Amino acid sequence: MIRVMVYDDNAGRCEGLELLINQTEDMKCVGTFENCANVLNEVERLHPDVILMDIYMPEVNGIEGLKKIRRSYPDIMVVMQTVFDDEVRIFDAIRSGAHGYFLKKTSPERLIEGIRDVKDGGAPMTPSVAGKVLDIFKKEDNRGSKTFMLTDREQEILGLLIKGMSYKMIAEACKISWHTVNSHCKKIYEKLHVHSAAEAVAKALDERIV
């Protein structure tokens, strides 16, 4: 059972997400909150696996909440949600440790799939957000001097992670098994000295690896 928490200052959206999650067989919504003012106490009390985090909230916003969670609870997955797909917020969220990034207009089915993807180690993003991440790459003409000794296949898979593809989608695109993708990703994380797909994407952005 995947334990999910929701942070959103829109009460109607919180209710809708809670209903959607609780109607999903392998998930349970353990709490909804309007901002991150008490995020550490709430996380400690409710022990979520995945958090859906709105960016724009009063008092303490989602980016600040994300940073607090990453410092104190690095194993909890945080998927950011926002109405806007501006590059600055996306880059800030990814560099701060977000495991995924969805626009609020994302379909319920894709959102549920994204929660499962992030729990399985992926870094899901809506296509327009993934496009913004790729735009950030294109604006940097120089590649980083560090290669981190990635193989051609590992660079290919890292590039697909940057596009927001899940392990399952990568397996289909590369015509390999999910377990092979998982094995490659573990090697990528080890070489990059990171612990998740989100951290790998953030480091790839910083170092311009791919």
N, C-alpha and C. Protein backbone atom coordinates (compact mmCIF):
# COMPACT_ATOMS: atom_id res chain seq x y z
N MET A 1 0.84 -1.19 0.00
CA MET A 1 0.00 0.00 0.00
C MET A 1 0.88 1.25 0.00
N ILE A 2 0.68 2.13 -0.98
CA ILE A 2 1.45 3.38 -1.07
C ILE A 2 0.72 4.45 -0.27
N ARG A 3 1.41 4.98 0.74
CA ARG A 3 0.84 6.02 1.59
C ARG A 3 1.16 7.39 0.99
N VAL A 4 0.10 8.16 0.70
CA VAL A 4 0.25 9.43 -0.01
C VAL A 4 -0.26 10.58 0.85
N MET A 5 0.51 11.66 0.89
CA MET A 5 0.07 12.92 1.51
C MET A 5 -0.09 13.97 0.43
N VAL A 6 -1.00 14.92 0.65
CA VAL A 6 -1.28 15.98 -0.32
C VAL A 6 -1.13 17.34 0.35
N TYR A 7 -0.38 18.23 -0.32
CA TYR A 7 -0.28 19.62 0.13
C TYR A 7 -0.81 20.51 -0.99
N ASP A 8 -1.91 21.23 -0.71
CA ASP A 8 -2.53 22.11 -1.71
C ASP A 8 -3.47 23.05 -0.96
N ASP A 9 -3.40 24.34 -1.26
CA ASP A 9 -4.26 25.30 -0.54
C ASP A 9 -5.66 25.38 -1.11
N ASN A 10 -5.94 24.61 -2.17
CA ASN A 10 -7.28 24.54 -2.74
C ASN A 10 -8.02 23.37 -2.09
N ALA A 11 -8.99 23.68 -1.23
CA ALA A 11 -9.69 22.63 -0.47
C ALA A 11 -10.40 21.65 -1.40
N GLY A 12 -11.00 22.16 -2.46
CA GLY A 12 -11.70 21.28 -3.39
C GLY A 12 -10.76 20.32 -4.08
N ARG A 13 -9.58 20.80 -4.46
CA ARG A 13 -8.61 19.92 -5.11
C ARG A 13 -8.11 18.87 -4.12
N CYS A 14 -7.88 19.27 -2.86
CA CYS A 14 -7.46 18.31 -1.84
C CYS A 14 -8.48 17.18 -1.69
N GLU A 15 -9.75 17.56 -1.64
CA GLU A 15 -10.81 16.56 -1.50
C GLU A 15 -10.84 15.63 -2.71
N GLY A 16 -10.67 16.22 -3.90
CA GLY A 16 -10.68 15.41 -5.11
C GLY A 16 -9.52 14.43 -5.16
N LEU A 17 -8.33 14.90 -4.79
CA LEU A 17 -7.16 14.02 -4.80
C LEU A 17 -7.28 12.93 -3.74
N GLU A 18 -7.82 13.30 -2.58
CA GLU A 18 -8.01 12.31 -1.52
C GLU A 18 -8.95 11.20 -1.99
N LEU A 19 -10.05 11.58 -2.65
CA LEU A 19 -11.01 10.60 -3.16
C LEU A 19 -10.37 9.72 -4.23
N LEU A 20 -9.63 10.35 -5.16
CA LEU A 20 -8.96 9.62 -6.24
C LEU A 20 -7.98 8.59 -5.68
N ILE A 21 -7.17 9.03 -4.74
CA ILE A 21 -6.14 8.14 -4.17
C ILE A 21 -6.79 6.99 -3.40
N ASN A 22 -7.80 7.30 -2.59
CA ASN A 22 -8.44 6.26 -1.77
C ASN A 22 -9.26 5.27 -2.61
N GLN A 23 -9.63 5.68 -3.82
CA GLN A 23 -10.35 4.77 -4.72
C GLN A 23 -9.39 3.87 -5.50
N THR A 24 -8.08 4.14 -5.37
CA THR A 24 -7.07 3.34 -6.06
C THR A 24 -6.63 2.20 -5.15
N GLU A 25 -6.68 1.01 -5.68
CA GLU A 25 -6.54 -0.21 -4.88
C GLU A 25 -5.27 -0.26 -4.03
N ASP A 26 -4.14 0.20 -4.59
CA ASP A 26 -2.86 0.05 -3.90
C ASP A 26 -2.39 1.33 -3.22
N MET A 27 -3.32 2.29 -2.98
CA MET A 27 -2.93 3.57 -2.39
C MET A 27 -3.87 3.99 -1.27
N LYS A 28 -3.35 4.84 -0.39
CA LYS A 28 -4.15 5.41 0.69
C LYS A 28 -3.70 6.84 0.94
N CYS A 29 -4.65 7.77 0.98
CA CYS A 29 -4.32 9.16 1.33
C CYS A 29 -4.32 9.27 2.85
N VAL A 30 -3.16 9.59 3.42
CA VAL A 30 -3.04 9.63 4.88
C VAL A 30 -3.18 11.03 5.45
N GLY A 31 -3.30 12.04 4.57
CA GLY A 31 -3.48 13.39 5.08
C GLY A 31 -3.44 14.43 3.99
N THR A 32 -4.19 15.54 4.16
CA THR A 32 -4.16 16.68 3.24
C THR A 32 -3.94 17.95 4.04
N PHE A 33 -3.15 18.88 3.49
CA PHE A 33 -2.79 20.10 4.23
C PHE A 33 -2.71 21.28 3.26
N GLU A 34 -3.00 22.49 3.79
CA GLU A 34 -3.09 23.68 2.94
C GLU A 34 -1.76 24.39 2.76
N ASN A 35 -0.76 24.09 3.58
CA ASN A 35 0.58 24.64 3.39
C ASN A 35 1.60 23.82 4.17
N CYS A 36 2.86 24.22 4.09
CA CYS A 36 3.94 23.43 4.69
C CYS A 36 4.44 24.00 6.01
N ALA A 37 3.61 24.78 6.70
CA ALA A 37 4.04 25.40 7.94
C ALA A 37 4.49 24.38 8.99
N ASN A 38 3.84 23.21 9.01
CA ASN A 38 4.17 22.17 10.00
C ASN A 38 4.56 20.86 9.31
N VAL A 39 5.20 20.98 8.15
CA VAL A 39 5.42 19.81 7.30
C VAL A 39 6.22 18.71 7.99
N LEU A 40 7.25 19.05 8.74
CA LEU A 40 8.09 18.01 9.36
C LEU A 40 7.32 17.23 10.43
N ASN A 41 6.52 17.93 11.21
CA ASN A 41 5.71 17.25 12.22
C ASN A 41 4.67 16.34 11.56
N GLU A 42 4.08 16.82 10.47
CA GLU A 42 3.06 16.04 9.78
C GLU A 42 3.65 14.80 9.12
N VAL A 43 4.82 14.96 8.52
CA VAL A 43 5.50 13.81 7.90
C VAL A 43 5.90 12.78 8.95
N GLU A 44 6.42 13.27 10.07
CA GLU A 44 6.84 12.36 11.14
C GLU A 44 5.64 11.58 11.70
N ARG A 45 4.49 12.24 11.76
CA ARG A 45 3.31 11.61 12.34
C ARG A 45 2.63 10.62 11.39
N LEU A 46 2.66 10.91 10.09
CA LEU A 46 1.86 10.13 9.13
C LEU A 46 2.66 9.16 8.27
N HIS A 47 3.97 9.30 8.24
CA HIS A 47 4.86 8.35 7.55
C HIS A 47 4.43 8.09 6.09
N PRO A 48 4.40 9.12 5.25
CA PRO A 48 4.02 8.90 3.84
C PRO A 48 5.16 8.27 3.04
N ASP A 49 4.78 7.61 1.95
CA ASP A 49 5.77 7.13 0.98
C ASP A 49 6.00 8.18 -0.11
N VAL A 50 4.88 8.81 -0.51
CA VAL A 50 4.91 9.80 -1.59
C VAL A 50 4.11 11.02 -1.15
N ILE A 51 4.63 12.22 -1.48
CA ILE A 51 3.91 13.46 -1.19
C ILE A 51 3.63 14.20 -2.50
N LEU A 52 2.36 14.57 -2.73
CA LEU A 52 2.00 15.45 -3.83
C LEU A 52 2.05 16.87 -3.29
N MET A 53 2.94 17.69 -3.84
CA MET A 53 3.23 19.00 -3.26
C MET A 53 2.93 20.13 -4.24
N ASP A 54 1.95 20.97 -3.90
CA ASP A 54 1.69 22.18 -4.67
C ASP A 54 2.85 23.15 -4.45
N ILE A 55 3.20 23.93 -5.47
CA ILE A 55 4.29 24.90 -5.30
C ILE A 55 3.79 26.18 -4.64
N TYR A 56 2.67 26.71 -5.13
CA TYR A 56 2.21 28.01 -4.64
C TYR A 56 1.20 27.83 -3.51
N MET A 57 1.66 28.03 -2.27
CA MET A 57 0.81 27.94 -1.09
C MET A 57 1.17 29.09 -0.14
N PRO A 58 0.21 29.53 0.69
CA PRO A 58 0.50 30.61 1.64
C PRO A 58 1.41 30.16 2.77
N GLU A 59 1.99 31.14 3.46
CA GLU A 59 2.87 30.92 4.62
C GLU A 59 4.17 30.23 4.23
N VAL A 60 4.13 28.92 4.02
CA VAL A 60 5.33 28.18 3.60
C VAL A 60 4.98 27.44 2.31
N ASN A 61 5.65 27.81 1.21
CA ASN A 61 5.28 27.24 -0.09
C ASN A 61 5.90 25.86 -0.31
N GLY A 62 5.59 25.27 -1.47
CA GLY A 62 6.00 23.91 -1.75
C GLY A 62 7.50 23.72 -1.91
N ILE A 63 8.18 24.71 -2.49
CA ILE A 63 9.64 24.58 -2.66
C ILE A 63 10.33 24.55 -1.30
N GLU A 64 9.91 25.43 -0.39
CA GLU A 64 10.50 25.44 0.96
C GLU A 64 10.15 24.16 1.70
N GLY A 65 8.90 23.69 1.52
CA GLY A 65 8.51 22.43 2.14
C GLY A 65 9.34 21.27 1.62
N LEU A 66 9.57 21.26 0.30
CA LEU A 66 10.40 20.23 -0.32
C LEU A 66 11.80 20.21 0.27
N LYS A 67 12.41 21.37 0.41
CA LYS A 67 13.77 21.46 0.95
C LYS A 67 13.83 20.92 2.38
N LYS A 68 12.81 21.24 3.18
CA LYS A 68 12.77 20.73 4.56
C LYS A 68 12.67 19.21 4.57
N ILE A 69 11.81 18.67 3.72
CA ILE A 69 11.63 17.22 3.67
C ILE A 69 12.92 16.53 3.22
N ARG A 70 13.57 17.08 2.21
CA ARG A 70 14.80 16.47 1.68
C ARG A 70 15.89 16.41 2.75
N ARG A 71 15.97 17.47 3.58
CA ARG A 71 17.00 17.49 4.63
C ARG A 71 16.72 16.48 5.73
N SER A 72 15.47 16.33 6.11
CA SER A 72 15.13 15.48 7.26
C SER A 72 14.64 14.09 6.90
N TYR A 73 14.02 13.96 5.73
CA TYR A 73 13.46 12.66 5.32
C TYR A 73 13.83 12.38 3.86
N PRO A 74 15.09 12.08 3.58
CA PRO A 74 15.56 11.93 2.20
C PRO A 74 14.93 10.77 1.44
N ASP A 75 14.35 9.81 2.14
CA ASP A 75 13.78 8.63 1.46
C ASP A 75 12.34 8.84 1.00
N ILE A 76 11.70 9.93 1.44
CA ILE A 76 10.32 10.19 1.03
C ILE A 76 10.30 10.82 -0.36
N MET A 77 9.44 10.30 -1.23
CA MET A 77 9.33 10.80 -2.60
C MET A 77 8.40 12.01 -2.64
N VAL A 78 8.82 13.08 -3.29
CA VAL A 78 8.01 14.30 -3.40
C VAL A 78 7.78 14.62 -4.87
N VAL A 79 6.51 14.66 -5.27
CA VAL A 79 6.12 15.01 -6.63
C VAL A 79 5.49 16.40 -6.60
N MET A 80 6.08 17.34 -7.33
CA MET A 80 5.59 18.71 -7.33
C MET A 80 4.42 18.86 -8.31
N GLN A 81 3.49 19.76 -7.95
CA GLN A 81 2.36 20.07 -8.82
C GLN A 81 2.18 21.57 -8.91
N THR A 82 1.87 22.07 -10.10
CA THR A 82 1.64 23.49 -10.26
C THR A 82 0.78 23.74 -11.49
N VAL A 83 0.19 24.91 -11.55
CA VAL A 83 -0.60 25.31 -12.71
C VAL A 83 0.33 25.75 -13.84
N PHE A 84 1.51 26.26 -13.48
CA PHE A 84 2.43 26.85 -14.45
C PHE A 84 3.61 25.94 -14.73
N ASP A 85 4.15 26.03 -15.97
CA ASP A 85 5.32 25.22 -16.33
C ASP A 85 6.52 26.12 -16.65
N ASP A 86 6.77 27.13 -15.77
CA ASP A 86 7.88 28.03 -16.01
C ASP A 86 9.21 27.37 -15.63
N GLU A 87 10.24 27.68 -16.41
CA GLU A 87 11.53 27.01 -16.28
C GLU A 87 12.17 27.23 -14.91
N VAL A 88 12.04 28.44 -14.38
CA VAL A 88 12.71 28.76 -13.11
C VAL A 88 12.19 27.86 -12.00
N ARG A 89 10.87 27.75 -11.89
CA ARG A 89 10.29 26.91 -10.83
C ARG A 89 10.62 25.43 -11.04
N ILE A 90 10.58 24.99 -12.29
CA ILE A 90 10.89 23.59 -12.59
C ILE A 90 12.32 23.29 -12.17
N PHE A 91 13.26 24.13 -12.60
CA PHE A 91 14.68 23.90 -12.30
C PHE A 91 14.92 23.97 -10.80
N ASP A 92 14.28 24.93 -10.14
CA ASP A 92 14.43 25.07 -8.69
C ASP A 92 13.92 23.82 -7.98
N ALA A 93 12.77 23.30 -8.41
CA ALA A 93 12.19 22.10 -7.79
C ALA A 93 13.08 20.89 -8.01
N ILE A 94 13.56 20.70 -9.24
CA ILE A 94 14.40 19.55 -9.55
C ILE A 94 15.70 19.61 -8.77
N ARG A 95 16.32 20.77 -8.73
CA ARG A 95 17.60 20.91 -8.01
C ARG A 95 17.41 20.79 -6.51
N SER A 96 16.20 21.06 -6.04
CA SER A 96 15.93 20.94 -4.60
C SER A 96 15.55 19.52 -4.20
N GLY A 97 15.47 18.62 -5.17
CA GLY A 97 15.26 17.21 -4.84
C GLY A 97 13.89 16.65 -5.17
N ALA A 98 13.09 17.35 -6.01
CA ALA A 98 11.78 16.81 -6.40
C ALA A 98 11.97 15.53 -7.21
N HIS A 99 11.13 14.54 -6.95
CA HIS A 99 11.22 13.26 -7.66
C HIS A 99 10.37 13.22 -8.91
N GLY A 100 9.51 14.22 -9.09
CA GLY A 100 8.67 14.29 -10.27
C GLY A 100 8.01 15.66 -10.32
N TYR A 101 7.38 15.98 -11.45
CA TYR A 101 6.82 17.32 -11.62
C TYR A 101 5.64 17.22 -12.59
N PHE A 102 4.43 17.52 -12.08
CA PHE A 102 3.23 17.43 -12.89
C PHE A 102 2.48 18.77 -12.91
N LEU A 103 1.89 19.08 -14.05
CA LEU A 103 0.95 20.19 -14.10
C LEU A 103 -0.38 19.72 -13.52
N LYS A 104 -1.13 20.65 -12.94
CA LYS A 104 -2.39 20.27 -12.29
C LYS A 104 -3.44 19.80 -13.29
N LYS A 105 -3.26 20.13 -14.56
CA LYS A 105 -4.22 19.66 -15.57
C LYS A 105 -3.93 18.22 -16.00
N THR A 106 -2.89 17.60 -15.43
CA THR A 106 -2.59 16.20 -15.73
C THR A 106 -3.80 15.33 -15.40
N SER A 107 -4.08 14.36 -16.25
CA SER A 107 -5.24 13.49 -16.04
C SER A 107 -5.08 12.66 -14.77
N PRO A 108 -6.19 12.31 -14.12
CA PRO A 108 -6.11 11.47 -12.91
C PRO A 108 -5.35 10.17 -13.15
N GLU A 109 -5.57 9.56 -14.32
CA GLU A 109 -4.91 8.29 -14.64
C GLU A 109 -3.40 8.47 -14.69
N ARG A 110 -2.93 9.54 -15.33
CA ARG A 110 -1.48 9.78 -15.44
C ARG A 110 -0.88 10.14 -14.09
N LEU A 111 -1.64 10.84 -13.26
CA LEU A 111 -1.15 11.18 -11.93
C LEU A 111 -0.96 9.93 -11.07
N ILE A 112 -1.94 9.04 -11.11
CA ILE A 112 -1.83 7.78 -10.37
C ILE A 112 -0.66 6.96 -10.88
N GLU A 113 -0.51 6.91 -12.21
CA GLU A 113 0.63 6.19 -12.81
C GLU A 113 1.94 6.82 -12.36
N GLY A 114 1.96 8.16 -12.26
CA GLY A 114 3.17 8.86 -11.83
C GLY A 114 3.54 8.55 -10.40
N ILE A 115 2.54 8.42 -9.53
CA ILE A 115 2.81 8.05 -8.14
C ILE A 115 3.46 6.67 -8.08
N ARG A 116 2.95 5.75 -8.88
CA ARG A 116 3.54 4.40 -8.92
C ARG A 116 4.95 4.45 -9.50
N ASP A 117 5.13 5.26 -10.56
CA ASP A 117 6.45 5.38 -11.19
C ASP A 117 7.50 5.88 -10.21
N VAL A 118 7.15 6.92 -9.47
CA VAL A 118 8.13 7.50 -8.55
C VAL A 118 8.44 6.54 -7.41
N LYS A 119 7.44 5.77 -7.01
CA LYS A 119 7.68 4.76 -5.97
C LYS A 119 8.61 3.66 -6.47
N ASP A 120 8.57 3.41 -7.79
CA ASP A 120 9.43 2.39 -8.40
C ASP A 120 10.80 2.94 -8.80
N GLY A 121 11.06 4.22 -8.49
CA GLY A 121 12.38 4.78 -8.75
C GLY A 121 12.47 5.71 -9.93
N GLY A 122 11.36 5.96 -10.63
CA GLY A 122 11.38 6.84 -11.78
C GLY A 122 11.28 8.31 -11.38
N ALA A 123 11.34 9.18 -12.40
CA ALA A 123 11.21 10.62 -12.18
C ALA A 123 10.17 11.16 -13.16
N PRO A 124 8.88 10.87 -12.92
CA PRO A 124 7.84 11.22 -13.90
C PRO A 124 7.61 12.72 -14.04
N MET A 125 7.37 13.14 -15.28
CA MET A 125 7.05 14.54 -15.56
C MET A 125 6.03 14.59 -16.69
N THR A 126 5.15 15.58 -16.65
CA THR A 126 4.26 15.77 -17.78
C THR A 126 5.09 16.18 -18.99
N PRO A 127 4.65 15.84 -20.22
CA PRO A 127 5.46 16.12 -21.41
C PRO A 127 5.92 17.56 -21.54
N SER A 128 5.05 18.52 -21.24
CA SER A 128 5.45 19.93 -21.39
C SER A 128 6.54 20.29 -20.39
N VAL A 129 6.50 19.71 -19.20
CA VAL A 129 7.54 19.96 -18.20
C VAL A 129 8.85 19.32 -18.65
N ALA A 130 8.78 18.08 -19.14
CA ALA A 130 9.98 17.43 -19.66
C ALA A 130 10.58 18.26 -20.79
N GLY A 131 9.71 18.85 -21.61
CA GLY A 131 10.20 19.71 -22.68
C GLY A 131 10.94 20.92 -22.16
N LYS A 132 10.43 21.49 -21.06
CA LYS A 132 11.12 22.64 -20.45
C LYS A 132 12.49 22.23 -19.93
N VAL A 133 12.59 21.04 -19.34
CA VAL A 133 13.88 20.55 -18.85
C VAL A 133 14.86 20.41 -20.01
N LEU A 134 14.39 19.88 -21.13
CA LEU A 134 15.25 19.75 -22.31
C LEU A 134 15.66 21.13 -22.84
N ASP A 135 14.75 22.11 -22.74
CA ASP A 135 15.09 23.47 -23.16
C ASP A 135 16.25 24.03 -22.35
N ILE A 136 16.26 23.70 -21.05
CA ILE A 136 17.35 24.15 -20.19
C ILE A 136 18.67 23.58 -20.71
N PHE A 137 18.65 22.31 -21.12
CA PHE A 137 19.84 21.69 -21.69
C PHE A 137 20.30 22.43 -22.95
N LYS A 138 19.35 22.74 -23.83
CA LYS A 138 19.69 23.35 -25.11
C LYS A 138 20.29 24.74 -24.94
N LYS A 139 19.93 25.43 -23.88
CA LYS A 139 20.45 26.78 -23.65
C LYS A 139 21.92 26.75 -23.22
N GLU A 140 22.37 25.58 -22.78
CA GLU A 140 23.77 25.42 -22.38
C GLU A 140 24.51 24.74 -23.53
N ASP A 141 25.27 25.50 -24.29
CA ASP A 141 25.94 24.94 -25.46
C ASP A 141 27.07 23.99 -25.08
N ASN A 142 27.76 24.29 -23.99
CA ASN A 142 28.90 23.47 -23.60
C ASN A 142 28.43 22.29 -22.76
N ARG A 143 29.03 21.17 -22.98
CA ARG A 143 28.79 20.03 -22.11
C ARG A 143 29.82 20.03 -21.01
N GLY A 144 29.47 19.44 -19.90
CA GLY A 144 30.42 19.37 -18.80
C GLY A 144 31.62 18.53 -19.18
N SER A 145 32.73 18.82 -18.58
CA SER A 145 33.95 18.09 -18.90
C SER A 145 33.95 16.71 -18.27
N LYS A 146 33.09 16.51 -17.28
CA LYS A 146 33.03 15.21 -16.60
C LYS A 146 32.11 14.27 -17.37
N THR A 147 32.57 13.05 -17.58
CA THR A 147 31.74 12.04 -18.23
C THR A 147 31.20 11.04 -17.23
N PHE A 148 31.82 10.97 -16.05
CA PHE A 148 31.44 10.04 -15.00
C PHE A 148 31.52 8.58 -15.47
N MET A 149 32.23 8.37 -16.59
CA MET A 149 32.47 7.02 -17.10
C MET A 149 31.17 6.28 -17.42
N LEU A 150 30.15 7.02 -17.87
CA LEU A 150 28.90 6.37 -18.27
C LEU A 150 29.08 5.68 -19.62
N THR A 151 28.51 4.50 -19.74
CA THR A 151 28.53 3.80 -21.02
C THR A 151 27.52 4.47 -21.96
N ASP A 152 27.57 4.10 -23.24
CA ASP A 152 26.62 4.66 -24.21
C ASP A 152 25.18 4.34 -23.80
N ARG A 153 24.94 3.12 -23.34
CA ARG A 153 23.60 2.73 -22.92
C ARG A 153 23.16 3.53 -21.69
N GLU A 154 24.08 3.72 -20.75
CA GLU A 154 23.75 4.48 -19.54
C GLU A 154 23.44 5.93 -19.88
N GLN A 155 24.19 6.52 -20.82
CA GLN A 155 23.90 7.89 -21.26
C GLN A 155 22.53 7.96 -21.94
N GLU A 156 22.23 6.91 -22.73
CA GLU A 156 20.92 6.87 -23.39
C GLU A 156 19.80 6.83 -22.36
N ILE A 157 19.94 5.99 -21.36
CA ILE A 157 18.91 5.84 -20.34
C ILE A 157 18.80 7.11 -19.50
N LEU A 158 19.92 7.74 -19.17
CA LEU A 158 19.88 9.01 -18.43
C LEU A 158 19.13 10.06 -19.25
N GLY A 159 19.38 10.08 -20.56
CA GLY A 159 18.67 11.03 -21.41
C GLY A 159 17.17 10.80 -21.41
N LEU A 160 16.75 9.54 -21.35
CA LEU A 160 15.32 9.22 -21.31
C LEU A 160 14.72 9.58 -19.95
N LEU A 161 15.49 9.43 -18.88
CA LEU A 161 15.02 9.89 -17.57
C LEU A 161 14.77 11.39 -17.58
N ILE A 162 15.67 12.12 -18.25
CA ILE A 162 15.54 13.58 -18.34
C ILE A 162 14.27 13.95 -19.10
N LYS A 163 13.84 13.09 -20.02
CA LYS A 163 12.60 13.33 -20.77
C LYS A 163 11.36 12.99 -19.96
N GLY A 164 11.56 12.52 -18.72
CA GLY A 164 10.42 12.22 -17.86
C GLY A 164 9.87 10.82 -18.03
N MET A 165 10.62 9.93 -18.68
CA MET A 165 10.12 8.58 -18.92
C MET A 165 10.30 7.70 -17.70
N SER A 166 9.32 6.85 -17.46
CA SER A 166 9.38 5.89 -16.36
C SER A 166 10.27 4.71 -16.76
N TYR A 167 10.62 3.86 -15.78
CA TYR A 167 11.42 2.67 -16.08
C TYR A 167 10.71 1.81 -17.12
N LYS A 168 9.39 1.67 -16.98
CA LYS A 168 8.62 0.85 -17.92
C LYS A 168 8.68 1.42 -19.33
N MET A 169 8.55 2.74 -19.46
CA MET A 169 8.61 3.40 -20.76
C MET A 169 10.00 3.26 -21.37
N ILE A 170 11.03 3.38 -20.53
CA ILE A 170 12.40 3.23 -21.02
C ILE A 170 12.64 1.81 -21.52
N ALA A 171 12.12 0.85 -20.76
CA ALA A 171 12.26 -0.56 -21.17
C ALA A 171 11.65 -0.78 -22.55
N GLU A 172 10.47 -0.20 -22.77
CA GLU A 172 9.80 -0.36 -24.07
C GLU A 172 10.57 0.35 -25.18
N ALA A 173 11.08 1.56 -24.88
CA ALA A 173 11.81 2.33 -25.90
C ALA A 173 13.12 1.67 -26.29
N CYS A 174 13.79 1.05 -25.30
CA CYS A 174 15.10 0.44 -25.55
C CYS A 174 15.01 -1.05 -25.88
N LYS A 175 13.76 -1.58 -25.82
CA LYS A 175 13.53 -3.00 -26.08
C LYS A 175 14.35 -3.90 -25.16
N ILE A 176 14.31 -3.53 -23.87
CA ILE A 176 14.96 -4.34 -22.83
C ILE A 176 13.96 -4.51 -21.69
N SER A 177 14.28 -5.37 -20.72
CA SER A 177 13.36 -5.62 -19.63
C SER A 177 13.41 -4.50 -18.58
N TRP A 178 12.35 -4.43 -17.79
CA TRP A 178 12.31 -3.47 -16.67
C TRP A 178 13.48 -3.71 -15.73
N HIS A 179 13.79 -4.98 -15.48
CA HIS A 179 14.88 -5.31 -14.56
C HIS A 179 16.23 -4.85 -15.10
N THR A 180 16.40 -4.91 -16.42
CA THR A 180 17.65 -4.42 -17.02
C THR A 180 17.75 -2.91 -16.87
N VAL A 181 16.63 -2.21 -17.09
CA VAL A 181 16.62 -0.75 -16.88
C VAL A 181 16.98 -0.43 -15.43
N ASN A 182 16.38 -1.15 -14.51
CA ASN A 182 16.65 -0.94 -13.09
C ASN A 182 18.13 -1.14 -12.79
N SER A 183 18.73 -2.18 -13.38
CA SER A 183 20.14 -2.46 -13.18
C SER A 183 21.01 -1.34 -13.73
N HIS A 184 20.70 -0.87 -14.93
CA HIS A 184 21.44 0.25 -15.52
C HIS A 184 21.33 1.50 -14.65
N CYS A 185 20.11 1.78 -14.16
CA CYS A 185 19.89 2.99 -13.35
C CYS A 185 20.69 2.94 -12.05
N LYS A 186 20.76 1.77 -11.45
CA LYS A 186 21.55 1.63 -10.23
C LYS A 186 23.01 1.98 -10.50
N LYS A 187 23.52 1.53 -11.66
CA LYS A 187 24.91 1.84 -12.02
C LYS A 187 25.09 3.33 -12.30
N ILE A 188 24.08 3.93 -12.95
CA ILE A 188 24.13 5.38 -13.21
C ILE A 188 24.18 6.15 -11.90
N TYR A 189 23.31 5.79 -10.96
CA TYR A 189 23.26 6.49 -9.68
C TYR A 189 24.58 6.33 -8.93
N GLU A 190 25.15 5.13 -9.01
CA GLU A 190 26.42 4.89 -8.32
C GLU A 190 27.53 5.75 -8.92
N LYS A 191 27.58 5.83 -10.25
CA LYS A 191 28.63 6.62 -10.91
C LYS A 191 28.45 8.12 -10.68
N LEU A 192 27.19 8.56 -10.60
CA LEU A 192 26.93 9.99 -10.39
C LEU A 192 26.93 10.36 -8.90
N HIS A 193 27.02 9.35 -8.04
CA HIS A 193 26.98 9.56 -6.58
C HIS A 193 25.65 10.19 -6.16
N VAL A 194 24.55 9.64 -6.69
CA VAL A 194 23.20 10.09 -6.31
C VAL A 194 22.40 8.86 -5.89
N HIS A 195 21.16 9.10 -5.44
CA HIS A 195 20.35 8.01 -4.91
C HIS A 195 19.00 7.84 -5.59
N SER A 196 18.70 8.66 -6.59
CA SER A 196 17.39 8.57 -7.23
C SER A 196 17.46 9.14 -8.64
N ALA A 197 16.40 8.86 -9.41
CA ALA A 197 16.31 9.41 -10.77
C ALA A 197 16.26 10.94 -10.72
N ALA A 198 15.54 11.48 -9.75
CA ALA A 198 15.44 12.94 -9.63
C ALA A 198 16.80 13.57 -9.39
N GLU A 199 17.60 12.98 -8.51
CA GLU A 199 18.93 13.51 -8.25
C GLU A 199 19.82 13.37 -9.48
N ALA A 200 19.64 12.27 -10.22
CA ALA A 200 20.43 12.06 -11.44
C ALA A 200 20.09 13.13 -12.48
N VAL A 201 18.79 13.45 -12.64
CA VAL A 201 18.38 14.49 -13.57
C VAL A 201 18.96 15.84 -13.15
N ALA A 202 18.89 16.15 -11.86
CA ALA A 202 19.42 17.42 -11.35
C ALA A 202 20.93 17.52 -11.61
N LYS A 203 21.66 16.43 -11.37
CA LYS A 203 23.10 16.45 -11.59
C LYS A 203 23.43 16.55 -13.07
N ALA A 204 22.62 15.88 -13.90
CA ALA A 204 22.82 15.97 -15.35
C ALA A 204 22.64 17.40 -15.82
N LEU A 205 21.67 18.10 -15.23
CA LEU A 205 21.46 19.53 -15.57
C LEU A 205 22.66 20.36 -15.14
N ASP A 206 23.11 20.16 -13.92
CA ASP A 206 24.22 20.94 -13.40
C ASP A 206 25.52 20.69 -14.16
N GLU A 207 25.79 19.41 -14.45
CA GLU A 207 27.06 19.03 -15.07
C GLU A 207 26.98 18.94 -16.60
N ARG A 208 25.74 19.07 -17.15
CA ARG A 208 25.54 18.97 -18.59
C ARG A 208 26.17 17.71 -19.13
N ILE A 209 25.75 16.58 -18.55
CA ILE A 209 26.40 15.29 -18.83
C ILE A 209 25.93 14.71 -20.17
N VAL A 210 24.64 14.80 -20.45
CA VAL A 210 24.08 14.12 -21.61
C VAL A 210 24.12 15.02 -22.85
